Structure formats: structure tokens, C-alpha cells
Amino acid sequence: MGDYFDQYEKEFTKKHGIVKERLNQISNLSGEKRKAAVQETQRLFDEVNHTFVKLEEESTRGAKAVVRKNQAKIKGLQTELSRTQQSLDHLLLTEGTQPRDQYGFNNKGGDDDNRRRLLMNNDILDDSTNRINSSHRMATDIENTGAATLSKMEGQKEQLLRARNNLQTIDDNMTRSRRILSGMARRVVTNNVILVLIIVVMMAIIGIIVYLKWIRHLVS
């Protein structure tokens, strides 16, 4: 908030300086040039008033110490503004023009309050518009972020589906491998059993042959 106050203060000081310079120059003018210069100076002073309203509103925001400091500045600026207002009113009265601002209010009495309230309402409206635009931009950013996130999630979903399919394929391959290994194990066991049986049969045959050929003759 302090940045806004400093910004408005610089804007006020610049415009107020231009108005005071114009007031000093008008005394050296005459005729249509003087009339045009008076109207232009009055328009610039209205802009100064509008900036001062923003400055007043901004001075109430922030920490207490900052608010006290800013409001002290406001009092000094308001004193300067009042002096310039008096000089401009005197000039307008000299020109035979009733001092009025760009909204059609006299700069005296209750009309001055109306002018200030109208300026403040206009400033509040501008501020509300800016906040609405900011909220709209924020909502747009959130929508874009959500769309980007949704797109990323869709991509991640596809990756997960592909990974699941790959895992299913791997599982199927492992199942087939287990079946093949189980079949091979059974065949190995079967071959070992057959081999043992063959060895037993051969040993039996050899025993029979030995018995018939040697042991039987010995017994006889």
C-alpha cells in the first residue's frame, strides 16, 4: 500500500506544481490566451483534486505508524491545496466566472462536499473495477492452470494405462515361464525315475547272469 501512496504523492506534487506555475503565468496573458489558460488551469486543478482524494484514501491503509506518517503529510498537502484553491477562485472571480469544477459544482459551501464525495465515489468505482478485472484475470489464470493440470493428468493416465498393460504382459509371460519350468521339472523327475529303474533292471539282469553262469555251477 505504501507504494501506492508514494506514487499518488509524486503524481500530486507534479500536477500541483504545474497548476501553481500556470497561475503565475496567467497574470502575463490577456484576451483569448488568458481565457484558455484559465480553463486549462482549472482542468488541471480538478485532476489535482482527484489525485488528492486517492491520496487521502490510501493514507488510511497500512500499519499504524505508516498511517500516522501519511496523514501528517496529507495535512500539509491539504494546506497547500487550499491555498492554490483560493488563488484559483480569486482568479476565476476576477475573470467574472463563478468557480466551478468539471462536475458542475461550485467550490463553496456544500457543493464542495458534494464534489469531494463524487470524486471519492468515482475513485471507489475505479478501484472496484480494477479489483473485478484483477479477479477476472486471476480466475482466467486458475482456469488455464486447471486446464493444463487436467491435460497433464490425462497424459499421466495414459502412461499408467500403458504401464498396467506392460505389467499384464509381463505377468502373462511369467505365468507361461512358470508353466514351462514346471513342465521341465516334471520331465527331469520323470527321466531320473526312468534312469533309476533302468539301472535297477540292469543290475538285476547282471545279477541273474552272474548267478546262472558262475554261482550255479559252483553250487552244483
Protein backbone atom coordinates (compact mmCIF):
# COMPACT_ATOMS: atom_id res chain seq x y z
CA MET A 1 0.00 0.00 0.00
CA GLY A 2 2.92 2.34 0.76
CA ASP A 3 3.96 2.12 -2.88
CA TYR A 4 0.55 3.43 -3.98
CA PHE A 5 0.75 6.32 -1.51
CA ASP A 6 4.21 7.31 -2.74
CA GLN A 7 3.02 7.03 -6.33
CA TYR A 8 -0.03 9.24 -5.73
CA GLU A 9 2.10 11.71 -3.74
CA LYS A 10 4.53 12.09 -6.63
CA GLU A 11 1.64 12.50 -9.06
CA PHE A 12 0.00 15.11 -6.80
CA THR A 13 3.26 17.08 -6.34
CA LYS A 14 3.92 17.10 -10.09
CA LYS A 15 0.42 18.21 -11.11
CA HIS A 16 0.12 20.71 -8.25
CA GLY A 17 3.43 22.26 -9.26
CA ILE A 18 2.18 22.65 -12.84
CA VAL A 19 -1.03 24.34 -11.60
CA LYS A 20 0.90 26.84 -9.46
CA GLU A 21 3.22 27.57 -12.38
CA ARG A 22 0.22 28.15 -14.67
CA LEU A 23 -1.35 30.53 -12.11
CA ASN A 24 1.82 32.60 -12.08
CA GLN A 25 1.94 32.71 -15.88
CA ILE A 26 -1.71 33.73 -16.35
CA SER A 27 -1.07 37.24 -14.98
CA ASN A 28 1.11 37.92 -18.04
CA LEU A 29 -1.57 36.84 -20.51
CA SER A 30 -4.61 38.59 -21.93
CA GLY A 31 -7.58 38.03 -24.20
CA GLU A 32 -8.37 34.56 -25.51
CA LYS A 33 -4.99 33.19 -24.45
CA ARG A 34 -5.72 34.20 -20.86
CA LYS A 35 -9.21 32.68 -21.01
CA ALA A 36 -7.88 29.40 -22.47
CA ALA A 37 -5.09 29.31 -19.88
CA VAL A 38 -7.61 29.80 -17.06
CA GLN A 39 -9.80 26.95 -18.33
CA GLU A 40 -6.78 24.66 -18.76
CA THR A 41 -5.52 25.54 -15.27
CA GLN A 42 -8.95 24.81 -13.81
CA ARG A 43 -8.98 21.41 -15.57
CA LEU A 44 -5.53 20.59 -14.23
CA PHE A 45 -6.61 21.63 -10.74
CA ASP A 46 -9.55 19.23 -10.97
CA GLU A 47 -7.05 16.44 -11.73
CA VAL A 48 -5.01 17.52 -8.69
CA ASN A 49 -8.17 17.28 -6.54
CA HIS A 50 -8.89 13.83 -7.91
CA THR A 51 -5.35 12.67 -7.14
CA PHE A 52 -5.62 14.16 -3.63
CA VAL A 53 -8.78 12.10 -2.99
CA LYS A 54 -6.88 8.94 -3.91
CA LEU A 55 -4.01 10.07 -1.69
CA GLU A 56 -6.40 10.59 1.24
CA GLU A 57 -7.94 7.17 0.82
CA GLU A 58 -4.54 5.47 0.53
CA SER A 59 -3.25 7.25 3.65
CA THR A 60 -5.64 5.24 5.84
CA ARG A 61 -4.14 1.91 4.83
CA GLY A 62 -1.16 0.11 6.28
CA ALA A 63 0.44 -0.15 9.71
CA LYS A 64 -0.46 2.43 12.37
CA ALA A 65 2.94 4.13 12.23
CA VAL A 66 2.71 4.41 8.43
CA VAL A 67 -0.86 5.76 8.65
CA ARG A 68 0.17 8.45 11.14
CA LYS A 69 3.10 9.46 8.95
CA ASN A 70 0.99 9.59 5.79
CA GLN A 71 -1.86 11.51 7.39
CA ALA A 72 0.63 14.10 8.64
CA LYS A 73 1.70 14.53 5.03
CA ILE A 74 -1.95 14.79 3.99
CA LYS A 75 -2.49 17.75 6.33
CA GLY A 76 0.44 19.63 4.82
CA LEU A 77 -0.65 18.86 1.27
CA GLN A 78 -4.23 19.87 2.08
CA THR A 79 -2.99 23.26 3.33
CA GLU A 80 -1.10 23.80 0.06
CA LEU A 81 -4.12 22.67 -1.92
CA SER A 82 -6.40 25.11 -0.08
CA ARG A 83 -4.06 27.99 -0.86
CA THR A 84 -4.00 27.07 -4.52
CA GLN A 85 -7.80 26.73 -4.44
CA GLN A 86 -8.10 30.26 -3.06
CA SER A 87 -5.77 31.63 -5.73
CA LEU A 88 -7.73 29.90 -8.47
CA ASP A 89 -11.09 31.07 -7.06
CA HIS A 90 -9.82 34.62 -6.88
CA LEU A 91 -8.63 34.38 -10.48
CA LEU A 92 -11.98 32.99 -11.65
CA LEU A 93 -13.88 35.72 -9.82
CA THR A 94 -11.60 38.31 -11.39
CA GLU A 95 -12.40 36.84 -14.80
CA GLY A 96 -16.12 37.09 -13.97
CA THR A 97 -16.55 33.29 -13.77
CA GLN A 98 -18.15 31.54 -10.81
CA PRO A 99 -15.64 28.96 -9.63
CA ARG A 100 -16.94 25.52 -10.61
CA ASP A 101 -15.29 22.17 -11.13
CA GLN A 102 -15.65 19.77 -14.05
CA TYR A 103 -18.74 18.17 -12.44
CA GLY A 104 -20.71 21.45 -12.35
CA PHE A 105 -20.48 22.08 -8.57
CA ASN A 106 -19.44 25.39 -7.06
CA ASN A 107 -16.28 25.22 -5.00
CA LYS A 108 -18.02 26.79 -1.98
CA GLY A 109 -20.18 25.54 0.83
CA GLY A 110 -21.99 22.25 0.49
CA ASP A 111 -21.13 21.88 -3.20
CA ASP A 112 -17.50 21.39 -2.25
CA ASP A 113 -18.53 18.42 -0.11
CA ASN A 114 -20.63 17.08 -2.97
CA ARG A 115 -17.69 17.43 -5.32
CA ARG A 116 -15.39 15.62 -2.92
CA ARG A 117 -17.91 12.84 -2.36
CA LEU A 118 -18.43 12.47 -6.09
CA LEU A 119 -14.68 12.27 -6.65
CA MET A 120 -14.36 9.71 -3.87
CA ASN A 121 -17.24 7.65 -5.28
CA ASN A 122 -15.61 7.79 -8.68
CA ASP A 123 -12.34 6.63 -7.16
CA ILE A 124 -14.11 3.81 -5.30
CA LEU A 125 -15.77 2.78 -8.57
CA ASP A 126 -12.41 2.75 -10.33
CA ASP A 127 -10.93 0.71 -7.51
CA SER A 128 -13.82 -1.76 -7.65
CA THR A 129 -13.43 -2.06 -11.41
CA ASN A 130 -9.73 -2.74 -11.02
CA ARG A 131 -10.44 -5.39 -8.39
CA ILE A 132 -13.05 -7.04 -10.63
CA ASN A 133 -10.59 -7.05 -13.52
CA SER A 134 -7.91 -8.46 -11.23
CA SER A 135 -10.30 -11.17 -10.02
CA HIS A 136 -11.22 -11.95 -13.63
CA ARG A 137 -7.55 -12.27 -14.57
CA MET A 138 -6.98 -14.47 -11.53
CA ALA A 139 -9.95 -16.66 -12.46
CA THR A 140 -8.62 -16.92 -16.02
CA ASP A 141 -5.19 -17.90 -14.72
CA ILE A 142 -6.76 -20.51 -12.43
CA GLU A 143 -8.82 -21.85 -15.33
CA ASN A 144 -5.72 -22.07 -17.54
CA THR A 145 -3.78 -23.75 -14.75
CA GLY A 146 -6.64 -26.21 -14.20
CA ALA A 147 -6.77 -27.00 -17.91
CA ALA A 148 -3.01 -27.54 -18.02
CA THR A 149 -3.20 -29.74 -14.91
CA LEU A 150 -6.08 -31.74 -16.43
CA SER A 151 -4.08 -32.20 -19.62
CA LYS A 152 -1.08 -33.43 -17.61
CA MET A 153 -3.32 -35.80 -15.65
CA GLU A 154 -4.72 -37.19 -18.90
CA GLY A 155 -1.17 -37.81 -20.10
CA GLN A 156 -0.25 -39.45 -16.79
CA LYS A 157 -3.41 -41.58 -17.00
CA GLU A 158 -2.36 -42.83 -20.44
CA GLN A 159 1.12 -43.59 -19.10
CA LEU A 160 -0.36 -45.53 -16.18
CA LEU A 161 -2.61 -47.48 -18.55
CA ARG A 162 0.37 -48.36 -20.74
CA ALA A 163 2.37 -49.35 -17.66
CA ARG A 164 -0.52 -51.52 -16.46
CA ASN A 165 -0.73 -53.19 -19.87
CA ASN A 166 3.02 -53.78 -19.81
CA LEU A 167 2.76 -55.29 -16.34
CA GLN A 168 -0.07 -57.52 -17.51
CA THR A 169 2.06 -58.66 -20.44
CA ILE A 170 5.00 -59.33 -18.13
CA ASP A 171 2.73 -61.24 -15.75
CA ASP A 172 1.40 -63.36 -18.62
CA ASN A 173 4.96 -64.08 -19.77
CA MET A 174 5.99 -65.01 -16.24
CA THR A 175 2.99 -67.32 -15.95
CA ARG A 176 3.95 -69.06 -19.19
CA SER A 177 7.56 -69.26 -18.00
CA ARG A 178 6.46 -70.84 -14.72
CA ARG A 179 4.40 -73.40 -16.64
CA ILE A 180 7.35 -74.22 -18.91
CA LEU A 181 9.70 -74.54 -15.92
CA SER A 182 7.18 -76.72 -14.12
CA GLY A 183 6.90 -78.96 -17.17
CA MET A 184 10.66 -79.18 -17.48
CA ALA A 185 10.96 -80.04 -13.78
CA ARG A 186 8.41 -82.80 -14.15
CA ARG A 187 10.24 -84.18 -17.17
CA VAL A 188 13.55 -84.13 -15.28
CA VAL A 189 11.98 -86.02 -12.38
CA THR A 190 10.41 -88.50 -14.78
CA ASN A 191 13.71 -89.00 -16.60
CA ASN A 192 15.51 -89.56 -13.29
CA VAL A 193 12.93 -92.14 -12.21
CA ILE A 194 13.21 -93.92 -15.55
CA LEU A 195 17.01 -93.82 -15.30
CA VAL A 196 16.90 -95.35 -11.80
CA LEU A 197 14.54 -98.04 -12.99
CA ILE A 198 16.82 -98.84 -15.92
CA ILE A 199 19.80 -99.07 -13.58
CA VAL A 200 17.85 -101.34 -11.21
CA VAL A 201 16.74 -103.58 -14.09
CA MET A 202 20.27 -103.76 -15.47
CA MET A 203 21.68 -104.58 -12.05
CA ALA A 204 19.05 -107.31 -11.71
CA ILE A 205 19.90 -108.73 -15.12
CA ILE A 206 23.61 -108.67 -14.33
CA GLY A 207 22.94 -110.42 -11.02
CA ILE A 208 20.88 -113.10 -12.74
CA ILE A 209 23.60 -113.64 -15.36
CA VAL A 210 26.30 -113.91 -12.71
CA TYR A 211 24.19 -116.34 -10.73
CA LEU A 212 23.40 -118.54 -13.70
CA LYS A 213 26.91 -118.57 -15.09
CA TRP A 214 29.19 -118.93 -12.07
CA ILE A 215 27.38 -119.28 -8.75
CA ARG A 216 25.05 -122.03 -10.00
CA HIS A 217 27.96 -124.14 -11.31
CA LEU A 218 29.78 -123.74 -8.06
CA VAL A 219 26.78 -124.90 -6.12
CA SER A 220 26.39 -127.93 -8.39
